[in-house]
């Protein structure tokens, strides 16, 4: 139901969007009002940005756009996504209003619509990565899992934290036996403060093993059985064991 509400609101937002300028600089290129929300629109080569109630151009807008355009270029060098349209970023100043209208707390992405709804202070790469992974290689995913989907978004959030150490901290005081539990076992639905760091650390660990063909294919079929087929069961078992030791599992 939450996803349905978010999709309906997205459709209503786009239906009422009217661009008022063709200026391609970091100046607002248009405005529109929808559902009682006032947006300033900035269109750039990779992303169209919709700023809620930020008024005219600000230093925040300039920095935000510059950072996200650079991030898109860097991340898409990895994912090689072929989106059917530009990515659209809705940057909400009022998180409470956003949750009321969208039926879902910020931030989240609707990949097939190329839409991200975000808080102003979110990590640069997380939501963007959700969309790029979905459209990576121009091939839609056949099977998605929370573990891989959220894990790769954390792995590529462009936060400079040590992913393994963050996972170890999140696991402190917990009683899980293996990262396998988070992928396909009893821990698949644990809360975000534990799940996200663990999944993110594993996907970062897996990417750094420098097997790009297997990694890219895993993004399209995200089950653990797919991983075992792609990497070989013996190698995947060894990788999981190595990660478990690093994370203190």
Protein backbone atom coordinates (compact mmCIF):
# COMPACT_ATOMS: atom_id res chain seq x y z
CA UNK A 1 0.00 0.00 0.00
CA UNK A 2 2.82 2.43 0.84
CA UNK A 3 4.45 1.78 -2.52
CA UNK A 4 1.12 2.28 -4.29
CA UNK A 5 0.56 5.61 -2.55
CA UNK A 6 4.04 6.76 -3.44
CA UNK A 7 3.51 5.85 -7.09
CA UNK A 8 0.20 7.71 -7.22
CA UNK A 9 1.76 10.83 -5.74
CA UNK A 10 4.69 10.61 -8.17
CA UNK A 11 2.31 10.43 -11.11
CA UNK A 12 0.35 13.43 -9.82
CA UNK A 13 3.53 15.42 -9.33
CA UNK A 14 4.75 14.80 -12.87
CA UNK A 15 1.36 15.40 -14.41
CA UNK A 16 1.41 18.96 -13.10
CA UNK A 17 5.06 19.75 -13.85
CA UNK A 18 5.58 22.73 -16.15
CA UNK A 19 9.08 23.76 -17.11
CA UNK A 20 9.39 27.50 -17.65
CA UNK A 21 12.93 27.96 -18.95
CA UNK A 22 15.56 26.22 -21.04
CA UNK A 23 18.49 27.63 -19.03
CA UNK A 24 21.00 24.81 -18.36
CA UNK A 25 23.10 26.57 -15.68
CA UNK A 26 22.73 26.05 -11.95
CA UNK A 27 19.95 28.62 -12.01
CA UNK A 28 16.38 27.43 -11.43
CA UNK A 29 15.01 26.30 -14.78
CA UNK A 30 11.40 26.33 -13.72
CA UNK A 31 8.87 26.06 -10.93
CA UNK A 32 5.62 24.27 -10.38
CA UNK A 33 3.05 23.71 -7.68
CA UNK A 34 1.49 20.34 -6.99
CA UNK A 35 -0.40 18.89 -4.02
CA UNK A 36 0.14 22.17 -2.21
CA UNK A 37 3.93 21.91 -2.54
CA UNK A 38 6.03 24.62 -4.20
CA UNK A 39 9.09 23.40 -6.09
CA UNK A 40 12.09 25.08 -7.63
CA UNK A 41 13.35 23.05 -10.57
CA UNK A 42 16.99 22.80 -11.66
CA UNK A 43 17.69 20.63 -14.70
CA UNK A 44 21.19 19.32 -15.32
CA UNK A 45 22.65 16.73 -17.71
CA UNK A 46 22.03 13.71 -15.47
CA UNK A 47 19.35 14.71 -12.97
CA UNK A 48 16.39 17.06 -12.66
CA UNK A 49 16.28 18.48 -9.14
CA UNK A 50 13.08 19.59 -7.42
CA UNK A 51 13.76 21.68 -4.32
CA UNK A 52 10.85 22.17 -1.94
CA UNK A 53 10.52 25.67 -0.51
CA UNK A 54 14.18 26.61 -0.90
CA UNK A 55 13.27 29.81 -2.73
CA UNK A 56 15.63 31.15 -5.37
CA UNK A 57 19.13 29.88 -6.02
CA UNK A 58 21.13 29.28 -2.85
CA UNK A 59 24.65 28.11 -2.09
CA UNK A 60 23.08 24.89 -0.80
CA UNK A 61 21.40 24.26 -4.14
CA UNK A 62 24.60 24.93 -6.06
CA UNK A 63 26.67 22.59 -3.91
CA UNK A 64 23.96 19.93 -3.86
CA UNK A 65 23.66 19.89 -7.65
CA UNK A 66 27.43 19.89 -8.21
CA UNK A 67 27.96 17.03 -5.76
CA UNK A 68 25.17 14.89 -7.17
CA UNK A 69 26.09 15.43 -10.81
CA UNK A 70 29.66 14.36 -10.05
CA UNK A 71 28.41 11.37 -8.05
CA UNK A 72 26.15 10.24 -10.89
CA UNK A 73 29.04 10.29 -13.34
CA UNK A 74 31.32 8.37 -10.99
CA UNK A 75 28.74 5.76 -10.01
CA UNK A 76 27.50 5.18 -13.50
CA UNK A 77 31.04 4.37 -14.58
CA UNK A 78 30.49 1.27 -12.42
CA UNK A 79 26.85 0.45 -13.19
CA UNK A 80 26.56 1.62 -16.81
CA UNK A 81 22.86 2.29 -16.33
CA UNK A 82 20.65 3.14 -19.28
CA UNK A 83 17.72 5.07 -17.84
CA UNK A 84 14.70 5.75 -20.06
CA UNK A 85 14.66 9.35 -18.82
CA UNK A 86 16.64 11.62 -16.54
CA UNK A 87 16.69 10.76 -12.88
CA UNK A 88 14.40 13.03 -10.83
CA UNK A 89 15.39 14.04 -7.32
CA UNK A 90 12.74 15.52 -5.01
CA UNK A 91 14.54 17.24 -2.13
CA UNK A 92 12.02 17.77 0.66
CA UNK A 93 12.49 20.48 3.26
CA UNK A 94 9.49 19.24 5.27
CA UNK A 95 9.98 15.55 6.09
CA UNK A 96 6.69 15.29 7.97
CA UNK A 97 4.71 16.62 5.02
CA UNK A 98 6.57 14.29 2.68
CA UNK A 99 5.66 11.26 4.77
CA UNK A 100 2.02 12.35 4.90
CA UNK A 101 1.76 12.88 1.15
CA UNK A 102 3.86 9.94 0.02
CA UNK A 103 2.74 7.40 2.59
CA UNK A 104 6.36 6.51 3.28
CA UNK A 105 9.16 8.18 5.26
CA UNK A 106 12.09 9.72 3.40
CA UNK A 107 14.26 8.70 1.68
CA UNK A 108 13.27 6.18 -0.90
CA UNK A 109 13.50 5.53 -4.61
CA UNK A 110 10.98 4.34 -7.19
CA UNK A 111 13.51 2.96 -9.68
CA UNK A 112 11.20 2.12 -12.56
CA UNK A 113 9.96 5.73 -12.54
CA UNK A 114 13.50 7.13 -12.15
CA UNK A 115 12.40 9.02 -9.02
CA UNK A 116 14.18 9.63 -5.72
CA UNK A 117 12.51 11.31 -2.72
CA UNK A 118 15.20 12.44 -0.30
CA UNK A 119 16.08 14.43 2.78
CA UNK A 120 18.48 17.33 2.14
CA UNK A 121 21.21 15.73 4.27
CA UNK A 122 21.12 12.16 2.95
CA UNK A 123 24.28 10.46 1.80
CA UNK A 124 24.92 11.43 -1.80
CA UNK A 125 25.03 8.02 -3.41
CA UNK A 126 22.46 5.83 -1.65
CA UNK A 127 19.17 6.60 -3.42
CA UNK A 128 20.88 7.31 -6.70
CA UNK A 129 22.46 3.86 -6.58
CA UNK A 130 19.04 2.20 -6.24
CA UNK A 131 18.02 3.69 -9.60
CA UNK A 132 21.34 3.02 -11.34
CA UNK A 133 21.41 -0.61 -10.20
CA UNK A 134 17.84 -1.16 -11.40
CA UNK A 135 18.71 0.12 -14.88
CA UNK A 136 22.33 -1.15 -14.91
CA UNK A 137 23.42 -2.45 -18.28
CA UNK A 138 20.01 -1.57 -19.68
CA UNK A 139 18.69 -4.89 -18.30
CA UNK A 140 15.92 -4.99 -15.70
CA UNK A 141 16.40 -7.22 -12.65
CA UNK A 142 14.69 -10.59 -12.61
CA UNK A 143 14.92 -11.16 -8.84
CA UNK A 144 15.58 -8.59 -6.12
CA UNK A 145 16.42 -9.10 -2.46
CA UNK A 146 16.57 -6.63 0.38
CA UNK A 147 20.12 -7.76 1.14
CA UNK A 148 21.64 -6.99 -2.24
CA UNK A 149 19.42 -4.01 -3.05
CA UNK A 150 20.06 -2.14 0.19
CA UNK A 151 23.55 -3.53 0.55
CA UNK A 152 24.80 -2.16 -2.75
CA UNK A 153 23.14 1.22 -2.03
CA UNK A 154 25.05 1.43 1.26
CA UNK A 155 28.25 0.18 -0.34
CA UNK A 156 28.10 2.98 -2.92
CA UNK A 157 26.62 5.73 -0.73
CA UNK A 158 29.93 7.64 -1.10
CA UNK A 159 30.23 7.91 2.66
CA UNK A 160 33.89 7.55 3.62
CA UNK A 161 33.24 5.41 6.70
CA UNK A 162 34.91 2.03 7.10
CA UNK A 163 32.11 -0.34 6.12
CA UNK A 164 33.47 -3.36 8.00
CA UNK A 165 33.99 -1.41 11.21
CA UNK A 166 30.51 0.09 10.90
CA UNK A 167 29.05 -3.39 10.49
CA UNK A 168 30.99 -4.67 13.50
CA UNK A 169 29.61 -1.82 15.59
CA UNK A 170 26.05 -2.54 14.42
CA UNK A 171 26.50 -6.24 15.28
CA UNK A 172 27.81 -5.56 18.79
CA UNK A 173 25.61 -7.36 21.30
CA UNK A 174 23.72 -9.22 18.55
CA UNK A 175 23.58 -12.99 18.21
CA UNK A 176 23.82 -13.73 14.49
CA UNK A 177 25.96 -16.56 13.14
CA UNK A 178 26.69 -15.47 9.58
CA UNK A 179 26.00 -12.83 6.97
CA UNK A 180 24.12 -15.62 5.21
CA UNK A 181 21.35 -15.13 7.82
CA UNK A 182 20.81 -11.59 6.53
CA UNK A 183 20.71 -12.66 2.90
CA UNK A 184 18.45 -15.69 3.05
CA UNK A 185 17.89 -16.68 6.66
CA UNK A 186 16.27 -15.53 9.89
CA UNK A 187 17.76 -12.01 9.83
CA UNK A 188 16.30 -10.88 6.50
CA UNK A 189 13.84 -8.51 8.18
CA UNK A 190 15.87 -7.09 11.06
CA UNK A 191 15.81 -3.33 11.61
CA UNK A 192 17.70 -0.96 9.34
CA UNK A 193 20.35 0.13 11.90
CA UNK A 194 21.65 -3.43 11.97
CA UNK A 195 20.68 -4.74 8.54
CA UNK A 196 21.94 -1.88 6.37
CA UNK A 197 25.53 -1.73 7.72
CA UNK A 198 25.94 -5.52 7.49
CA UNK A 199 24.52 -5.79 3.96
CA UNK A 200 26.47 -2.71 2.87
CA UNK A 201 29.75 -4.02 4.25
CA UNK A 202 29.31 -7.37 2.51
CA UNK A 203 28.45 -5.86 -0.87
CA UNK A 204 31.43 -3.49 -0.55
CA UNK A 205 33.62 -6.48 0.35
CA UNK A 206 32.27 -8.47 -2.60
CA UNK A 207 32.76 -5.62 -5.10
CA UNK A 208 36.37 -5.18 -4.00
CA UNK A 209 37.10 -8.82 -4.88
CA UNK A 210 37.36 -7.46 -8.43
CA UNK A 211 35.10 -9.88 -10.26
CA UNK A 212 33.02 -7.29 -12.13
CA UNK A 213 31.18 -9.69 -14.45
CA UNK A 214 29.86 -11.78 -11.55
CA UNK A 215 29.07 -8.72 -9.47
CA UNK A 216 27.11 -7.06 -12.28
CA UNK A 217 25.16 -10.24 -12.98
CA UNK A 218 24.31 -10.56 -9.28
CA UNK A 219 22.60 -7.16 -9.41
CA UNK A 220 20.16 -8.59 -11.94
CA UNK A 221 19.40 -11.80 -10.00
CA UNK A 222 20.05 -11.07 -6.34
CA UNK A 223 19.33 -14.37 -4.61
CA UNK A 224 22.03 -16.25 -2.73
CA UNK A 225 21.48 -19.18 -5.10
CA UNK A 226 22.32 -16.87 -7.98
CA UNK A 227 25.49 -15.78 -6.19
CA UNK A 228 26.52 -19.39 -5.72
CA UNK A 229 25.95 -20.08 -9.41
CA UNK A 230 27.85 -16.98 -10.52
CA UNK A 231 30.84 -17.23 -8.22
CA UNK A 232 30.75 -20.98 -7.68
CA UNK A 233 29.41 -22.42 -4.45
CA UNK A 234 32.83 -23.20 -3.02
CA UNK A 235 34.09 -19.68 -3.65
CA UNK A 236 30.93 -18.06 -2.30
CA UNK A 237 31.12 -20.19 0.84
CA UNK A 238 34.74 -19.10 1.27
CA UNK A 239 33.88 -15.43 0.72
CA UNK A 240 31.08 -15.59 3.27
CA UNK A 241 33.39 -17.28 5.78
CA UNK A 242 36.04 -14.62 5.20
CA UNK A 243 33.53 -11.82 5.67
CA UNK A 244 32.06 -13.41 8.78
CA UNK A 245 35.51 -13.46 10.34
CA UNK A 246 36.17 -9.82 9.44
CA UNK A 247 32.78 -8.71 10.82
CA UNK A 248 33.11 -10.73 14.02
CA UNK A 249 30.24 -13.09 13.23
